[in-house]
Amino acid sequence: MKQPLKKSKNKVISGVCAGIAENIDWDPTIVRVLAVILLFVTGLFPIAVIYIVMAIIMPEDDGKRSGDTLEGEFKEK
């Protein structure tokens, strides 16, 4: 099962690109560069609106990812 999309603590502006990068297991720099390229190719407006909407609706990363266990927790079989 895919983990839910969340903002990352590794943020430059709001953590959207880093959150997407963590979700797809890419380097955040690659996602950020692709976002900037798309920003200029599409004429600023569409990608800027999508980024702002995602920054508003994406939850903050609480530090736990699905399937992760903390020290002292055990998974049941």
C-alpha atoms as a PDB file:
ATOM      1  CA  MET A   1       0.000   0.000   0.000  1.00  0.00           C
ATOM      2  CA  LYS A   2       1.285   3.453  -0.938  1.00  0.00           C
ATOM      3  CA  GLN A   3       1.954   5.862   1.903  1.00  0.00           C
ATOM      4  CA  PRO A   4      -0.217   8.996   2.047  1.00  0.00           C
ATOM      5  CA  LEU A   5       1.137  12.192   0.515  1.00  0.00           C
ATOM      6  CA  LYS A   6       2.362  14.586   3.225  1.00  0.00           C
ATOM      7  CA  LYS A   7       4.485  17.717   3.347  1.00  0.00           C
ATOM      8  CA  SER A   8       8.071  17.039   4.243  1.00  0.00           C
ATOM      9  CA  LYS A   9      10.112  18.525   7.058  1.00  0.00           C
ATOM     10  CA  ASN A  10      12.843  18.943   4.394  1.00  0.00           C
ATOM     11  CA  LYS A  11      11.213  22.118   3.120  1.00  0.00           C
ATOM     12  CA  VAL A  12      12.373  25.098   1.124  1.00  0.00           C
ATOM     13  CA  ILE A  13       9.046  26.930   0.793  1.00  0.00           C
ATOM     14  CA  SER A  14       6.250  24.750   2.155  1.00  0.00           C
ATOM     15  CA  GLY A  15       7.489  21.172   1.766  1.00  0.00           C
ATOM     16  CA  VAL A  16       5.247  20.207  -1.171  1.00  0.00           C
ATOM     17  CA  CYS A  17       8.009  19.203  -3.615  1.00  0.00           C
ATOM     18  CA  ALA A  18       9.985  17.367  -0.918  1.00  0.00           C
ATOM     19  CA  GLY A  19       6.811  15.550   0.175  1.00  0.00           C
ATOM     20  CA  ILE A  20       6.147  14.432  -3.395  1.00  0.00           C
ATOM     21  CA  ALA A  21       9.791  13.364  -3.744  1.00  0.00           C
ATOM     22  CA  GLU A  22       9.642  11.280  -0.554  1.00  0.00           C
ATOM     23  CA  ASN A  23       6.439   9.643  -1.740  1.00  0.00           C
ATOM     24  CA  ILE A  24       7.947   8.540  -5.080  1.00  0.00           C
ATOM     25  CA  ASP A  25      11.460   7.895  -3.684  1.00  0.00           C
ATOM     26  CA  TRP A  26      13.210  10.609  -5.706  1.00  0.00           C
ATOM     27  CA  ASP A  27      15.722  13.253  -4.711  1.00  0.00           C
ATOM     28  CA  PRO A  28      13.810  16.425  -3.691  1.00  0.00           C
ATOM     29  CA  THR A  29      16.139  18.557  -5.839  1.00  0.00           C
ATOM     30  CA  ILE A  30      14.958  16.749  -8.989  1.00  0.00           C
ATOM     31  CA  VAL A  31      11.303  17.376  -8.135  1.00  0.00           C
ATOM     32  CA  ARG A  32      12.039  21.030  -7.340  1.00  0.00           C
ATOM     33  CA  VAL A  33      13.893  21.553 -10.633  1.00  0.00           C
ATOM     34  CA  LEU A  34      11.062  19.872 -12.566  1.00  0.00           C
ATOM     35  CA  ALA A  35       8.536  22.103 -10.788  1.00  0.00           C
ATOM     36  CA  VAL A  36      10.466  25.245 -11.733  1.00  0.00           C
ATOM     37  CA  ILE A  37      10.798  24.102 -15.354  1.00  0.00           C
ATOM     38  CA  LEU A  38       7.053  23.366 -15.514  1.00  0.00           C
ATOM     39  CA  LEU A  39       6.360  26.720 -13.870  1.00  0.00           C
ATOM     40  CA  PHE A  40       8.026  28.589 -16.744  1.00  0.00           C
ATOM     41  CA  VAL A  41       6.894  26.251 -19.542  1.00  0.00           C
ATOM     42  CA  THR A  42       3.211  26.526 -18.564  1.00  0.00           C
ATOM     43  CA  GLY A  43       3.318  30.292 -18.119  1.00  0.00           C
ATOM     44  CA  LEU A  44       3.473  30.414 -14.302  1.00  0.00           C
ATOM     45  CA  PHE A  45      -0.266  30.284 -13.607  1.00  0.00           C
ATOM     46  CA  PRO A  46      -1.291  26.556 -13.652  1.00  0.00           C
ATOM     47  CA  ILE A  47       1.645  25.171 -11.678  1.00  0.00           C
ATOM     48  CA  ALA A  48       1.602  28.086  -9.220  1.00  0.00           C
ATOM     49  CA  VAL A  49      -2.094  27.482  -8.486  1.00  0.00           C
ATOM     50  CA  ILE A  50      -1.565  23.713  -8.120  1.00  0.00           C
ATOM     51  CA  TYR A  51       1.393  24.322  -5.755  1.00  0.00           C
ATOM     52  CA  ILE A  52      -0.593  26.750  -3.600  1.00  0.00           C
ATOM     53  CA  VAL A  53      -3.595  24.392  -3.400  1.00  0.00           C
ATOM     54  CA  MET A  54      -1.328  21.470  -2.460  1.00  0.00           C
ATOM     55  CA  ALA A  55       0.427  23.601   0.177  1.00  0.00           C
ATOM     56  CA  ILE A  56      -2.975  24.307   1.728  1.00  0.00           C
ATOM     57  CA  ILE A  57      -4.490  20.809   1.598  1.00  0.00           C
ATOM     58  CA  MET A  58      -1.453  18.552   2.207  1.00  0.00           C
ATOM     59  CA  PRO A  59      -1.090  17.579   5.871  1.00  0.00           C
ATOM     60  CA  GLU A  60       2.185  18.141   7.696  1.00  0.00           C
ATOM     61  CA  ASP A  61       4.479  15.146   8.139  1.00  0.00           C
ATOM     62  CA  ASP A  62       4.090  13.782  11.658  1.00  0.00           C
ATOM     63  CA  GLY A  63       7.312  11.822  11.385  1.00  0.00           C
ATOM     64  CA  LYS A  64       5.599   8.435  11.069  1.00  0.00           C
ATOM     65  CA  ARG A  65       5.088   6.718   7.751  1.00  0.00           C
ATOM     66  CA  SER A  66       2.753   3.796   7.267  1.00  0.00           C
ATOM     67  CA  GLY A  67       4.625   0.596   8.011  1.00  0.00           C
ATOM     68  CA  ASP A  68       7.196   2.320  10.198  1.00  0.00           C
ATOM     69  CA  THR A  69       7.570   1.180  13.758  1.00  0.00           C
ATOM     70  CA  LEU A  70       9.015   3.207  16.580  1.00  0.00           C
ATOM     71  CA  GLU A  71      11.433   1.817  19.097  1.00  0.00           C
ATOM     72  CA  GLY A  72       9.497  -0.369  21.510  1.00  0.00           C
ATOM     73  CA  GLU A  73       6.596  -0.992  19.102  1.00  0.00           C
ATOM     74  CA  PHE A  74       6.046  -4.417  17.630  1.00  0.00           C
ATOM     75  CA  LYS A  75       4.158  -5.423  14.535  1.00  0.00           C
ATOM     76  CA  GLU A  76       1.566  -8.117  15.011  1.00  0.00           C
ATOM     77  CA  LYS A  77       1.542 -10.969  12.521  1.00  0.00           C
END
